[in-house]
Amino acid sequence: MNTDSQALEATFSTLVISIASSAVVHLGLEKNPQTGKLEKNLNIAQYSIDLLVLLKDKTRNNLTESEKNYLDAIIQDLQMKFVQAK
């Protein structure tokens, strides 16, 4: 089915995964969808991780337990991958 005609739902998890995807690309773990190449830019990867930490701080006590756990797991995973990439 063609998803272009379907409305995309804006959710907390899609926001998190969107930012996390940027970090993954800039850590050089996935190909850049625009160039089709693996590219590493640790400054942008760190910026994306920092955005997720900021989101966590600003949404403290306003997330469901599931959302909190999801965000925590994503941040922890990306931080570990960042250290490995350095």
N, C-alpha and C. Protein backbone atom coordinates (compact mmCIF):
# COMPACT_ATOMS: atom_id res chain seq x y z
N MET A 1 0.84 -1.17 0.00
CA MET A 1 0.00 0.00 0.00
C MET A 1 0.88 1.24 0.00
N ASN A 2 0.50 2.25 -0.72
CA ASN A 2 1.26 3.49 -0.82
C ASN A 2 1.08 4.31 0.44
N THR A 3 2.17 4.51 1.16
CA THR A 3 2.08 5.25 2.42
C THR A 3 2.11 6.76 2.21
N ASP A 4 2.43 7.21 1.00
CA ASP A 4 2.46 8.65 0.74
C ASP A 4 1.10 9.29 0.95
N SER A 5 0.03 8.56 0.69
CA SER A 5 -1.30 9.13 0.81
C SER A 5 -1.85 8.99 2.23
N GLN A 6 -1.15 8.26 3.09
CA GLN A 6 -1.59 8.09 4.47
C GLN A 6 -0.98 9.18 5.34
N ALA A 7 -1.78 9.67 6.26
CA ALA A 7 -1.28 10.69 7.18
C ALA A 7 -0.33 10.03 8.18
N LEU A 8 0.78 10.68 8.42
CA LEU A 8 1.72 10.20 9.42
C LEU A 8 1.29 10.70 10.78
N GLU A 9 1.39 9.84 11.77
CA GLU A 9 1.00 10.22 13.12
C GLU A 9 2.23 10.72 13.87
N ALA A 10 2.13 11.91 14.39
CA ALA A 10 3.21 12.47 15.18
C ALA A 10 3.09 11.96 16.61
N THR A 11 4.06 11.16 17.03
CA THR A 11 4.06 10.61 18.39
C THR A 11 5.41 10.89 19.04
N PHE A 12 5.46 10.70 20.33
CA PHE A 12 6.71 10.89 21.05
C PHE A 12 7.78 9.94 20.53
N SER A 13 7.40 8.70 20.30
CA SER A 13 8.39 7.71 19.84
C SER A 13 8.90 8.03 18.44
N THR A 14 8.06 8.59 17.56
CA THR A 14 8.56 8.95 16.22
C THR A 14 9.50 10.14 16.30
N LEU A 15 9.26 11.06 17.23
CA LEU A 15 10.18 12.17 17.42
C LEU A 15 11.53 11.65 17.90
N VAL A 16 11.52 10.78 18.89
CA VAL A 16 12.76 10.22 19.43
C VAL A 16 13.52 9.45 18.36
N ILE A 17 12.83 8.61 17.62
CA ILE A 17 13.52 7.79 16.61
C ILE A 17 14.04 8.66 15.47
N SER A 18 13.38 9.75 15.17
CA SER A 18 13.85 10.66 14.14
C SER A 18 15.19 11.28 14.54
N ILE A 19 15.28 11.75 15.77
CA ILE A 19 16.53 12.35 16.26
C ILE A 19 17.60 11.27 16.39
N ALA A 20 17.22 10.11 16.91
CA ALA A 20 18.18 9.01 17.07
C ALA A 20 18.71 8.54 15.73
N SER A 21 17.88 8.53 14.71
CA SER A 21 18.32 8.11 13.37
C SER A 21 19.41 9.02 12.84
N SER A 22 19.28 10.31 13.12
CA SER A 22 20.32 11.25 12.72
C SER A 22 21.64 10.91 13.41
N ALA A 23 21.57 10.59 14.69
CA ALA A 23 22.79 10.23 15.42
C ALA A 23 23.42 8.97 14.84
N VAL A 24 22.60 7.99 14.52
CA VAL A 24 23.11 6.73 13.97
C VAL A 24 23.82 6.97 12.63
N VAL A 25 23.23 7.78 11.79
CA VAL A 25 23.85 8.09 10.49
C VAL A 25 25.18 8.81 10.71
N HIS A 26 25.20 9.78 11.62
CA HIS A 26 26.41 10.56 11.82
C HIS A 26 27.47 9.85 12.65
N LEU A 27 27.09 8.75 13.29
CA LEU A 27 28.08 7.88 13.92
C LEU A 27 28.73 6.96 12.89
N GLY A 28 28.20 6.99 11.67
CA GLY A 28 28.73 6.15 10.61
C GLY A 28 28.25 4.71 10.67
N LEU A 29 27.12 4.49 11.35
CA LEU A 29 26.59 3.14 11.51
C LEU A 29 25.59 2.76 10.43
N GLU A 30 25.04 3.74 9.78
CA GLU A 30 24.10 3.55 8.66
C GLU A 30 24.47 4.51 7.56
N LYS A 31 24.11 4.16 6.34
CA LYS A 31 24.39 5.03 5.20
C LYS A 31 23.53 6.29 5.27
N ASN A 32 24.13 7.38 4.85
CA ASN A 32 23.39 8.63 4.73
C ASN A 32 22.37 8.44 3.61
N PRO A 33 21.09 8.61 3.88
CA PRO A 33 20.08 8.38 2.85
C PRO A 33 20.20 9.34 1.65
N GLN A 34 20.83 10.48 1.85
CA GLN A 34 20.97 11.43 0.74
C GLN A 34 22.14 11.08 -0.17
N THR A 35 23.21 10.51 0.41
CA THR A 35 24.40 10.22 -0.40
C THR A 35 24.59 8.73 -0.65
N GLY A 36 23.96 7.90 0.17
CA GLY A 36 24.13 6.46 0.04
C GLY A 36 25.49 5.98 0.56
N LYS A 37 26.19 6.85 1.28
CA LYS A 37 27.53 6.51 1.79
C LYS A 37 27.54 6.53 3.31
N LEU A 38 28.46 5.74 3.88
CA LEU A 38 28.70 5.83 5.31
C LEU A 38 29.53 7.07 5.57
N GLU A 39 29.06 7.91 6.44
CA GLU A 39 29.75 9.15 6.75
C GLU A 39 29.77 9.33 8.26
N LYS A 40 30.91 9.72 8.79
CA LYS A 40 31.02 9.92 10.24
C LYS A 40 31.24 11.40 10.53
N ASN A 41 30.36 11.96 11.35
CA ASN A 41 30.52 13.33 11.82
C ASN A 41 30.13 13.32 13.30
N LEU A 42 31.15 13.16 14.15
CA LEU A 42 30.88 13.00 15.58
C LEU A 42 30.31 14.25 16.22
N ASN A 43 30.59 15.42 15.67
CA ASN A 43 30.00 16.65 16.22
C ASN A 43 28.48 16.64 16.06
N ILE A 44 28.01 16.26 14.89
CA ILE A 44 26.56 16.22 14.67
C ILE A 44 25.94 15.06 15.44
N ALA A 45 26.64 13.94 15.54
CA ALA A 45 26.14 12.81 16.33
C ALA A 45 25.97 13.23 17.78
N GLN A 46 26.97 13.93 18.33
CA GLN A 46 26.89 14.40 19.71
C GLN A 46 25.74 15.39 19.89
N TYR A 47 25.54 16.25 18.90
CA TYR A 47 24.44 17.22 18.94
C TYR A 47 23.09 16.49 19.01
N SER A 48 22.93 15.46 18.21
CA SER A 48 21.68 14.70 18.21
C SER A 48 21.45 14.01 19.55
N ILE A 49 22.51 13.45 20.12
CA ILE A 49 22.40 12.82 21.44
C ILE A 49 22.06 13.87 22.49
N ASP A 50 22.70 15.02 22.39
CA ASP A 50 22.41 16.12 23.33
C ASP A 50 20.95 16.57 23.22
N LEU A 51 20.40 16.57 22.02
CA LEU A 51 18.99 16.93 21.84
C LEU A 51 18.09 15.94 22.58
N LEU A 52 18.44 14.66 22.51
CA LEU A 52 17.64 13.66 23.20
C LEU A 52 17.74 13.82 24.71
N VAL A 53 18.92 14.15 25.21
CA VAL A 53 19.09 14.38 26.65
C VAL A 53 18.29 15.62 27.06
N LEU A 54 18.32 16.67 26.24
CA LEU A 54 17.52 17.87 26.52
C LEU A 54 16.03 17.53 26.55
N LEU A 55 15.58 16.73 25.58
CA LEU A 55 14.19 16.31 25.54
C LEU A 55 13.83 15.54 26.81
N LYS A 56 14.72 14.67 27.25
CA LYS A 56 14.50 13.92 28.49
C LYS A 56 14.37 14.87 29.68
N ASP A 57 15.27 15.83 29.76
CA ASP A 57 15.23 16.78 30.88
C ASP A 57 13.96 17.63 30.86
N LYS A 58 13.56 18.08 29.70
CA LYS A 58 12.41 18.98 29.59
C LYS A 58 11.07 18.26 29.74
N THR A 59 11.07 16.95 29.56
CA THR A 59 9.82 16.20 29.68
C THR A 59 9.76 15.39 30.97
N ARG A 60 10.74 15.59 31.84
CA ARG A 60 10.78 14.85 33.12
C ARG A 60 9.44 14.99 33.83
N ASN A 61 8.95 13.90 34.36
CA ASN A 61 7.67 13.81 35.08
C ASN A 61 6.45 14.06 34.19
N ASN A 62 6.66 14.05 32.87
CA ASN A 62 5.54 14.26 31.96
C ASN A 62 5.44 13.13 30.93
N LEU A 63 6.19 12.07 31.14
CA LEU A 63 6.18 10.93 30.22
C LEU A 63 5.56 9.72 30.90
N THR A 64 4.99 8.84 30.09
CA THR A 64 4.57 7.56 30.64
C THR A 64 5.82 6.77 30.98
N GLU A 65 5.68 5.76 31.78
CA GLU A 65 6.82 4.90 32.14
C GLU A 65 7.43 4.27 30.88
N SER A 66 6.58 3.88 29.98
CA SER A 66 7.04 3.28 28.72
C SER A 66 7.85 4.28 27.89
N GLU A 67 7.36 5.50 27.78
CA GLU A 67 8.07 6.53 27.02
C GLU A 67 9.41 6.85 27.68
N LYS A 68 9.42 6.95 29.01
CA LYS A 68 10.64 7.24 29.74
C LYS A 68 11.67 6.14 29.52
N ASN A 69 11.25 4.89 29.64
CA ASN A 69 12.16 3.76 29.45
C ASN A 69 12.70 3.72 28.02
N TYR A 70 11.84 4.00 27.06
CA TYR A 70 12.23 4.02 25.65
C TYR A 70 13.30 5.07 25.41
N LEU A 71 13.06 6.29 25.89
CA LEU A 71 14.01 7.38 25.72
C LEU A 71 15.33 7.08 26.44
N ASP A 72 15.25 6.58 27.65
CA ASP A 72 16.45 6.22 28.40
C ASP A 72 17.29 5.18 27.66
N ALA A 73 16.63 4.17 27.13
CA ALA A 73 17.34 3.10 26.42
C ALA A 73 18.01 3.63 25.15
N ILE A 74 17.32 4.48 24.42
CA ILE A 74 17.88 5.05 23.19
C ILE A 74 19.10 5.90 23.52
N ILE A 75 18.98 6.75 24.52
CA ILE A 75 20.10 7.62 24.90
C ILE A 75 21.29 6.78 25.35
N GLN A 76 21.06 5.81 26.19
CA GLN A 76 22.15 4.97 26.68
C GLN A 76 22.84 4.24 25.53
N ASP A 77 22.07 3.69 24.63
CA ASP A 77 22.63 2.96 23.49
C ASP A 77 23.47 3.90 22.61
N LEU A 78 22.94 5.07 22.32
CA LEU A 78 23.67 6.02 21.47
C LEU A 78 24.94 6.52 22.16
N GLN A 79 24.88 6.75 23.46
CA GLN A 79 26.06 7.21 24.17
C GLN A 79 27.17 6.15 24.13
N MET A 80 26.79 4.89 24.27
CA MET A 80 27.78 3.81 24.19
C MET A 80 28.37 3.71 22.78
N LYS A 81 27.53 3.84 21.78
CA LYS A 81 27.99 3.80 20.40
C LYS A 81 28.91 4.99 20.08
N PHE A 82 28.60 6.14 20.68
CA PHE A 82 29.42 7.33 20.48
C PHE A 82 30.83 7.10 21.04
N VAL A 83 30.90 6.56 22.25
CA VAL A 83 32.20 6.28 22.87
C VAL A 83 32.99 5.30 22.01
N GLN A 84 32.33 4.29 21.48
CA GLN A 84 33.00 3.31 20.61
C GLN A 84 33.49 3.96 19.32
N ALA A 85 32.76 4.93 18.83
CA ALA A 85 33.11 5.57 17.55
C ALA A 85 34.26 6.54 17.69
N LYS A 86 34.53 7.02 18.90
CA LYS A 86 35.60 8.01 19.12
C LYS A 86 36.97 7.44 18.88
